[in-house]
Amino acid sequence: MKSEDLMQLVTLKMPYGKYQGRLIADLPGHYLHWFAREGFPPGELGRLLHLMREIDHNGLSSLLTPLRTEASKYHD
């Protein structure tokens, strides 16, 4: 994991599917767990979804809060 990966979770939006347009960090746990069962997409998106699933599964989503604040300074 690179430090930039965490910032991407709070800035990158899901490009397709039921939750298209939602930030990766805001995807519901059941959707992330579905990917874990069915398979993550290839490439960067799959890697980030896998990372978010691990964060969610381990109850660490609150660690992204400071990054959300930082990201909002540059993306608003």
PDB file of N, CA and C in Angstrom:
ATOM      1  N   MET A   1       0.844  -1.176   0.000  1.00  0.00           N
ATOM      2  CA  MET A   1       0.000   0.000   0.000  1.00  0.00           C
ATOM      3  C   MET A   1       0.889   1.238   0.000  1.00  0.00           C
ATOM      4  N   LYS A   2       0.518   2.191  -0.823  1.00  0.00           N
ATOM      5  CA  LYS A   2       1.189   3.480  -0.877  1.00  0.00           C
ATOM      6  C   LYS A   2       0.350   4.484  -0.089  1.00  0.00           C
ATOM      7  N   SER A   3       0.989   5.507   0.418  1.00  0.00           N
ATOM      8  CA  SER A   3       0.254   6.503   1.209  1.00  0.00           C
ATOM      9  C   SER A   3      -0.831   7.179   0.368  1.00  0.00           C
ATOM     10  N   GLU A   4      -0.598   7.310  -0.928  1.00  0.00           N
ATOM     11  CA  GLU A   4      -1.582   7.936  -1.811  1.00  0.00           C
ATOM     12  C   GLU A   4      -2.856   7.096  -1.936  1.00  0.00           C
ATOM     13  N   ASP A   5      -2.747   5.808  -1.679  1.00  0.00           N
ATOM     14  CA  ASP A   5      -3.913   4.925  -1.798  1.00  0.00           C
ATOM     15  C   ASP A   5      -5.048   5.369  -0.891  1.00  0.00           C
ATOM     16  N   LEU A   6      -4.726   5.766   0.327  1.00  0.00           N
ATOM     17  CA  LEU A   6      -5.765   6.175   1.271  1.00  0.00           C
ATOM     18  C   LEU A   6      -6.458   7.439   0.787  1.00  0.00           C
ATOM     19  N   MET A   7      -5.702   8.364   0.221  1.00  0.00           N
ATOM     20  CA  MET A   7      -6.314   9.582  -0.315  1.00  0.00           C
ATOM     21  C   MET A   7      -7.209   9.247  -1.504  1.00  0.00           C
ATOM     22  N   GLN A   8      -6.810   8.271  -2.307  1.00  0.00           N
ATOM     23  CA  GLN A   8      -7.649   7.872  -3.431  1.00  0.00           C
ATOM     24  C   GLN A   8      -8.989   7.312  -2.968  1.00  0.00           C
ATOM     25  N   LEU A   9      -9.000   6.644  -1.828  1.00  0.00           N
ATOM     26  CA  LEU A   9     -10.254   6.081  -1.317  1.00  0.00           C
ATOM     27  C   LEU A   9     -11.288   7.168  -1.040  1.00  0.00           C
ATOM     28  N   VAL A  10     -10.837   8.350  -0.660  1.00  0.00           N
ATOM     29  CA  VAL A  10     -11.767   9.430  -0.323  1.00  0.00           C
ATOM     30  C   VAL A  10     -11.961  10.426  -1.470  1.00  0.00           C
ATOM     31  N   THR A  11     -11.343  10.158  -2.618  1.00  0.00           N
ATOM     32  CA  THR A  11     -11.509  11.054  -3.769  1.00  0.00           C
ATOM     33  C   THR A  11     -11.992  10.342  -5.033  1.00  0.00           C
ATOM     34  N   LEU A  12     -11.716   9.058  -5.160  1.00  0.00           N
ATOM     35  CA  LEU A  12     -12.078   8.320  -6.368  1.00  0.00           C
ATOM     36  C   LEU A  12     -13.498   7.772  -6.248  1.00  0.00           C
ATOM     37  N   LYS A  13     -14.271   7.965  -7.308  1.00  0.00           N
ATOM     38  CA  LYS A  13     -15.653   7.477  -7.318  1.00  0.00           C
ATOM     39  C   LYS A  13     -15.752   6.153  -8.063  1.00  0.00           C
ATOM     40  N   MET A  14     -16.678   5.336  -7.616  1.00  0.00           N
ATOM     41  CA  MET A  14     -16.946   4.060  -8.269  1.00  0.00           C
ATOM     42  C   MET A  14     -17.413   4.346  -9.701  1.00  0.00           C
ATOM     43  N   PRO A  15     -16.729   3.776 -10.706  1.00  0.00           N
ATOM     44  CA  PRO A  15     -17.035   4.135 -12.093  1.00  0.00           C
ATOM     45  C   PRO A  15     -18.243   3.427 -12.700  1.00  0.00           C
ATOM     46  N   TYR A  16     -18.762   2.407 -12.062  1.00  0.00           N
ATOM     47  CA  TYR A  16     -19.870   1.647 -12.652  1.00  0.00           C
ATOM     48  C   TYR A  16     -20.622   0.891 -11.572  1.00  0.00           C
ATOM     49  N   GLY A  17     -21.729   0.286 -11.972  1.00  0.00           N
ATOM     50  CA  GLY A  17     -22.481  -0.587 -11.077  1.00  0.00           C
ATOM     51  C   GLY A  17     -23.520   0.142 -10.246  1.00  0.00           C
ATOM     52  N   LYS A  18     -24.057  -0.582  -9.314  1.00  0.00           N
ATOM     53  CA  LYS A  18     -25.136  -0.092  -8.460  1.00  0.00           C
ATOM     54  C   LYS A  18     -24.752   1.177  -7.712  1.00  0.00           C
ATOM     55  N   TYR A  19     -23.495   1.300  -7.354  1.00  0.00           N
ATOM     56  CA  TYR A  19     -23.026   2.443  -6.572  1.00  0.00           C
ATOM     57  C   TYR A  19     -22.150   3.385  -7.396  1.00  0.00           C
ATOM     58  N   GLN A  20     -22.409   3.447  -8.693  1.00  0.00           N
ATOM     59  CA  GLN A  20     -21.669   4.340  -9.577  1.00  0.00           C
ATOM     60  C   GLN A  20     -21.762   5.773  -9.065  1.00  0.00           C
ATOM     61  N   GLY A  21     -20.623   6.452  -9.026  1.00  0.00           N
ATOM     62  CA  GLY A  21     -20.588   7.839  -8.576  1.00  0.00           C
ATOM     63  C   GLY A  21     -20.343   8.018  -7.091  1.00  0.00           C
ATOM     64  N   ARG A  22     -20.397   6.946  -6.327  1.00  0.00           N
ATOM     65  CA  ARG A  22     -20.159   7.034  -4.882  1.00  0.00           C
ATOM     66  C   ARG A  22     -18.661   6.869  -4.622  1.00  0.00           C
ATOM     67  N   LEU A  23     -18.136   7.625  -3.670  1.00  0.00           N
ATOM     68  CA  LEU A  23     -16.731   7.489  -3.310  1.00  0.00           C
ATOM     69  C   LEU A  23     -16.441   6.060  -2.862  1.00  0.00           C
ATOM     70  N   ILE A  24     -15.252   5.575  -3.190  1.00  0.00           N
ATOM     71  CA  ILE A  24     -14.852   4.224  -2.770  1.00  0.00           C
ATOM     72  C   ILE A  24     -14.988   4.100  -1.245  1.00  0.00           C
ATOM     73  N   ALA A  25     -14.596   5.134  -0.522  1.00  0.00           N
ATOM     74  CA  ALA A  25     -14.675   5.104   0.948  1.00  0.00           C
ATOM     75  C   ALA A  25     -16.101   5.037   1.466  1.00  0.00           C
ATOM     76  N   ASP A  26     -17.075   5.386   0.630  1.00  0.00           N
ATOM     77  CA  ASP A  26     -18.476   5.400   1.054  1.00  0.00           C
ATOM     78  C   ASP A  26     -19.266   4.180   0.579  1.00  0.00           C
ATOM     79  N   LEU A  27     -18.599   3.237  -0.036  1.00  0.00           N
ATOM     80  CA  LEU A  27     -19.297   2.029  -0.483  1.00  0.00           C
ATOM     81  C   LEU A  27     -19.709   1.204   0.724  1.00  0.00           C
ATOM     82  N   PRO A  28     -20.902   0.642   0.706  1.00  0.00           N
ATOM     83  CA  PRO A  28     -21.354  -0.151   1.858  1.00  0.00           C
ATOM     84  C   PRO A  28     -20.543  -1.444   2.011  1.00  0.00           C
ATOM     85  N   GLY A  29     -20.408  -1.854   3.256  1.00  0.00           N
ATOM     86  CA  GLY A  29     -19.636  -3.060   3.562  1.00  0.00           C
ATOM     87  C   GLY A  29     -20.117  -4.284   2.815  1.00  0.00           C
ATOM     88  N   HIS A  30     -21.432  -4.457   2.684  1.00  0.00           N
ATOM     89  CA  HIS A  30     -21.943  -5.660   2.014  1.00  0.00           C
ATOM     90  C   HIS A  30     -21.507  -5.703   0.551  1.00  0.00           C
ATOM     91  N   TYR A  31     -21.372  -4.539  -0.074  1.00  0.00           N
ATOM     92  CA  TYR A  31     -20.917  -4.480  -1.468  1.00  0.00           C
ATOM     93  C   TYR A  31     -19.433  -4.854  -1.555  1.00  0.00           C
ATOM     94  N   LEU A  32     -18.638  -4.355  -0.627  1.00  0.00           N
ATOM     95  CA  LEU A  32     -17.222  -4.694  -0.592  1.00  0.00           C
ATOM     96  C   LEU A  32     -17.024  -6.177  -0.301  1.00  0.00           C
ATOM     97  N   HIS A  33     -17.843  -6.740   0.569  1.00  0.00           N
ATOM     98  CA  HIS A  33     -17.749  -8.169   0.885  1.00  0.00           C
ATOM     99  C   HIS A  33     -18.198  -9.016  -0.305  1.00  0.00           C
ATOM    100  N   TRP A  34     -19.137  -8.509  -1.077  1.00  0.00           N
ATOM    101  CA  TRP A  34     -19.564  -9.216  -2.291  1.00  0.00           C
ATOM    102  C   TRP A  34     -18.380  -9.338  -3.245  1.00  0.00           C
ATOM    103  N   PHE A  35     -17.641  -8.248  -3.428  1.00  0.00           N
ATOM    104  CA  PHE A  35     -16.448  -8.309  -4.278  1.00  0.00           C
ATOM    105  C   PHE A  35     -15.444  -9.320  -3.726  1.00  0.00           C
ATOM    106  N   ALA A  36     -15.293  -9.362  -2.425  1.00  0.00           N
ATOM    107  CA  ALA A  36     -14.352 -10.306  -1.819  1.00  0.00           C
ATOM    108  C   ALA A  36     -14.751 -11.750  -2.133  1.00  0.00           C
ATOM    109  N   ARG A  37     -16.045 -12.017  -2.160  1.00  0.00           N
ATOM    110  CA  ARG A  37     -16.521 -13.370  -2.474  1.00  0.00           C
ATOM    111  C   ARG A  37     -16.451 -13.670  -3.965  1.00  0.00           C
ATOM    112  N   GLU A  38     -16.854 -12.703  -4.786  1.00  0.00           N
ATOM    113  CA  GLU A  38     -17.006 -12.930  -6.221  1.00  0.00           C
ATOM    114  C   GLU A  38     -15.755 -12.607  -7.031  1.00  0.00           C
ATOM    115  N   GLY A  39     -14.887 -11.816  -6.457  1.00  0.00           N
ATOM    116  CA  GLY A  39     -13.662 -11.420  -7.143  1.00  0.00           C
ATOM    117  C   GLY A  39     -13.622  -9.920  -7.409  1.00  0.00           C
ATOM    118  N   PHE A  40     -12.517  -9.317  -7.077  1.00  0.00           N
ATOM    119  CA  PHE A  40     -12.324  -7.895  -7.320  1.00  0.00           C
ATOM    120  C   PHE A  40     -11.983  -7.682  -8.783  1.00  0.00           C
ATOM    121  N   PRO A  41     -12.369  -6.531  -9.338  1.00  0.00           N
ATOM    122  CA  PRO A  41     -12.000  -6.255 -10.726  1.00  0.00           C
ATOM    123  C   PRO A  41     -10.472  -6.136 -10.846  1.00  0.00           C
ATOM    124  N   PRO A  42      -9.963  -6.327 -12.038  1.00  0.00           N
ATOM    125  CA  PRO A  42      -8.505  -6.227 -12.218  1.00  0.00           C
ATOM    126  C   PRO A  42      -8.022  -4.787 -12.096  1.00  0.00           C
ATOM    127  N   GLY A  43      -6.754  -4.642 -11.876  1.00  0.00           N
ATOM    128  CA  GLY A  43      -6.119  -3.333 -11.910  1.00  0.00           C
ATOM    129  C   GLY A  43      -6.267  -2.518 -10.650  1.00  0.00           C
ATOM    130  N   GLU A  44      -6.072  -1.214 -10.841  1.00  0.00           N
ATOM    131  CA  GLU A  44      -6.060  -0.256  -9.739  1.00  0.00           C
ATOM    132  C   GLU A  44      -7.379  -0.228  -8.966  1.00  0.00           C
ATOM    133  N   LEU A  45      -8.494  -0.262  -9.677  1.00  0.00           N
ATOM    134  CA  LEU A  45      -9.791  -0.238  -9.004  1.00  0.00           C
ATOM    135  C   LEU A  45      -9.936  -1.435  -8.073  1.00  0.00           C
ATOM    136  N   GLY A  46      -9.614  -2.602  -8.544  1.00  0.00           N
ATOM    137  CA  GLY A  46      -9.713  -3.797  -7.716  1.00  0.00           C
ATOM    138  C   GLY A  46      -8.821  -3.728  -6.491  1.00  0.00           C
ATOM    139  N   ARG A  47      -7.628  -3.195  -6.672  1.00  0.00           N
ATOM    140  CA  ARG A  47      -6.693  -3.057  -5.557  1.00  0.00           C
ATOM    141  C   ARG A  47      -7.255  -2.104  -4.507  1.00  0.00           C
ATOM    142  N   LEU A  48      -7.844  -1.007  -4.955  1.00  0.00           N
ATOM    143  CA  LEU A  48      -8.417  -0.041  -4.011  1.00  0.00           C
ATOM    144  C   LEU A  48      -9.673  -0.585  -3.325  1.00  0.00           C
ATOM    145  N   LEU A  49     -10.499  -1.307  -4.064  1.00  0.00           N
ATOM    146  CA  LEU A  49     -11.678  -1.931  -3.451  1.00  0.00           C
ATOM    147  C   LEU A  49     -11.261  -2.952  -2.401  1.00  0.00           C
ATOM    148  N   HIS A  50     -10.229  -3.700  -2.695  1.00  0.00           N
ATOM    149  CA  HIS A  50      -9.714  -4.684  -1.734  1.00  0.00           C
ATOM    150  C   HIS A  50      -9.205  -3.983  -0.478  1.00  0.00           C
ATOM    151  N   LEU A  51      -8.474  -2.888  -0.660  1.00  0.00           N
ATOM    152  CA  LEU A  51      -7.979  -2.120   0.484  1.00  0.00           C
ATOM    153  C   LEU A  51      -9.143  -1.587   1.315  1.00  0.00           C
ATOM    154  N   MET A  52     -10.157  -1.031   0.656  1.00  0.00           N
ATOM    155  CA  MET A  52     -11.310  -0.486   1.387  1.00  0.00           C
ATOM    156  C   MET A  52     -12.057  -1.588   2.108  1.00  0.00           C
ATOM    157  N   ARG A  53     -12.142  -2.753   1.509  1.00  0.00           N
ATOM    158  CA  ARG A  53     -12.801  -3.882   2.168  1.00  0.00           C
ATOM    159  C   ARG A  53     -12.051  -4.254   3.445  1.00  0.00           C
ATOM    160  N   GLU A  54     -10.731  -4.269   3.401  1.00  0.00           N
ATOM    161  CA  GLU A  54      -9.933  -4.585   4.591  1.00  0.00           C
ATOM    162  C   GLU A  54     -10.122  -3.524   5.676  1.00  0.00           C
ATOM    163  N   ILE A  55     -10.139  -2.267   5.276  1.00  0.00           N
ATOM    164  CA  ILE A  55     -10.351  -1.180   6.235  1.00  0.00           C
ATOM    165  C   ILE A  55     -11.730  -1.326   6.882  1.00  0.00           C
ATOM    166  N   ASP A  56     -12.746  -1.548   6.063  1.00  0.00           N
ATOM    167  CA  ASP A  56     -14.114  -1.690   6.566  1.00  0.00           C
ATOM    168  C   ASP A  56     -14.237  -2.919   7.466  1.00  0.00           C
ATOM    169  N   HIS A  57     -13.723  -4.029   7.018  1.00  0.00           N
ATOM    170  CA  HIS A  57     -13.822  -5.297   7.751  1.00  0.00           C
ATOM    171  C   HIS A  57     -13.177  -5.196   9.138  1.00  0.00           C
ATOM    172  N   ASN A  58     -12.105  -4.427   9.235  1.00  0.00           N
ATOM    173  CA  ASN A  58     -11.389  -4.292  10.498  1.00  0.00           C
ATOM    174  C   ASN A  58     -11.843  -3.088  11.328  1.00  0.00           C
ATOM    175  N   GLY A  59     -12.934  -2.455  10.893  1.00  0.00           N
ATOM    176  CA  GLY A  59     -13.503  -1.354  11.669  1.00  0.00           C
ATOM    177  C   GLY A  59     -12.623  -0.114  11.710  1.00  0.00           C
ATOM    178  N   LEU A  60     -11.881   0.137  10.646  1.00  0.00           N
ATOM    179  CA  LEU A  60     -10.936   1.244  10.633  1.00  0.00           C
ATOM    180  C   LEU A  60     -11.374   2.408   9.748  1.00  0.00           C
ATOM    181  N   SER A  61     -12.613   2.430   9.335  1.00  0.00           N
ATOM    182  CA  SER A  61     -13.085   3.480   8.422  1.00  0.00           C
ATOM    183  C   SER A  61     -12.916   4.880   8.996  1.00  0.00           C
ATOM    184  N   SER A  62     -12.963   5.016  10.303  1.00  0.00           N
ATOM    185  CA  SER A  62     -12.810   6.341  10.919  1.00  0.00           C
ATOM    186  C   SER A  62     -11.423   6.928  10.673  1.00  0.00           C
ATOM    187  N   LEU A  63     -10.460   6.094  10.332  1.00  0.00           N
ATOM    188  CA  LEU A  63      -9.118   6.592  10.033  1.00  0.00           C
ATOM    189  C   LEU A  63      -9.099   7.447   8.768  1.00  0.00           C
ATOM    190  N   LEU A  64     -10.125   7.327   7.944  1.00  0.00           N
ATOM    191  CA  LEU A  64     -10.186   8.110   6.708  1.00  0.00           C
ATOM    192  C   LEU A  64     -10.754   9.511   6.930  1.00  0.00           C
ATOM    193  N   THR A  65     -11.322   9.772   8.104  1.00  0.00           N
ATOM    194  CA  THR A  65     -11.951  11.061   8.372  1.00  0.00           C
ATOM    195  C   THR A  65     -11.002  12.246   8.171  1.00  0.00           C
ATOM    196  N   PRO A  66      -9.796  12.217   8.722  1.00  0.00           N
ATOM    197  CA  PRO A  66      -8.890  13.355   8.481  1.00  0.00           C
ATOM    198  C   PRO A  66      -8.553  13.533   6.999  1.00  0.00           C
ATOM    199  N   LEU A  67      -8.484  12.444   6.268  1.00  0.00           N
ATOM    200  CA  LEU A  67      -8.192  12.537   4.839  1.00  0.00           C
ATOM    201  C   LEU A  67      -9.360  13.137   4.077  1.00  0.00           C
ATOM    202  N   ARG A  68     -10.571  12.851   4.513  1.00  0.00           N
ATOM    203  CA  ARG A  68     -11.757  13.453   3.879  1.00  0.00           C
ATOM    204  C   ARG A  68     -11.693  14.968   4.031  1.00  0.00           C
ATOM    205  N   THR A  69     -11.324  15.417   5.211  1.00  0.00           N
ATOM    206  CA  THR A  69     -11.205  16.855   5.476  1.00  0.00           C
ATOM    207  C   THR A  69     -10.131  17.471   4.582  1.00  0.00           C
ATOM    208  N   GLU A  70      -9.012  16.797   4.480  1.00  0.00           N
ATOM    209  CA  GLU A  70      -7.916  17.276   3.637  1.00  0.00           C
ATOM    210  C   GLU A  70      -8.336  17.300   2.169  1.00  0.00           C
ATOM    211  N   ALA A  71      -8.979  16.247   1.720  1.00  0.00           N
ATOM    212  CA  ALA A  71      -9.410  16.159   0.321  1.00  0.00           C
ATOM    213  C   ALA A  71     -10.428  17.229  -0.022  1.00  0.00           C
ATOM    214  N   SER A  72     -11.305  17.549   0.933  1.00  0.00           N
ATOM    215  CA  SER A  72     -12.344  18.548   0.653  1.00  0.00           C
ATOM    216  C   SER A  72     -11.747  19.941   0.427  1.00  0.00           C
ATOM    217  N   LYS A  73     -10.567  20.193   0.967  1.00  0.00           N
ATOM    218  CA  LYS A  73      -9.907  21.476   0.756  1.00  0.00           C
ATOM    219  C   LYS A  73      -9.540  21.674  -0.716  1.00  0.00           C
ATOM    220  N   TYR A  74      -9.261  20.567  -1.392  1.00  0.00           N
ATOM    221  CA  TYR A  74      -8.778  20.638  -2.772  1.00  0.00           C
ATOM    222  C   TYR A  74      -9.832  20.284  -3.808  1.00  0.00           C
ATOM    223  N   HIS A  75     -10.937  19.659  -3.382  1.00  0.00           N
ATOM    224  CA  HIS A  75     -11.916  19.188  -4.342  1.00  0.00           C
ATOM    225  C   HIS A  75     -13.253  19.900  -4.276  1.00  0.00           C
ATOM    226  N   ASP A  76     -13.374  20.892  -3.425  1.00  0.00           N
ATOM    227  CA  ASP A  76     -14.652  21.634  -3.338  1.00  0.00           C
ATOM    228  C   ASP A  76     -14.669  22.803  -4.281  1.00  0.00           C
TER     229      ASP A  76
END
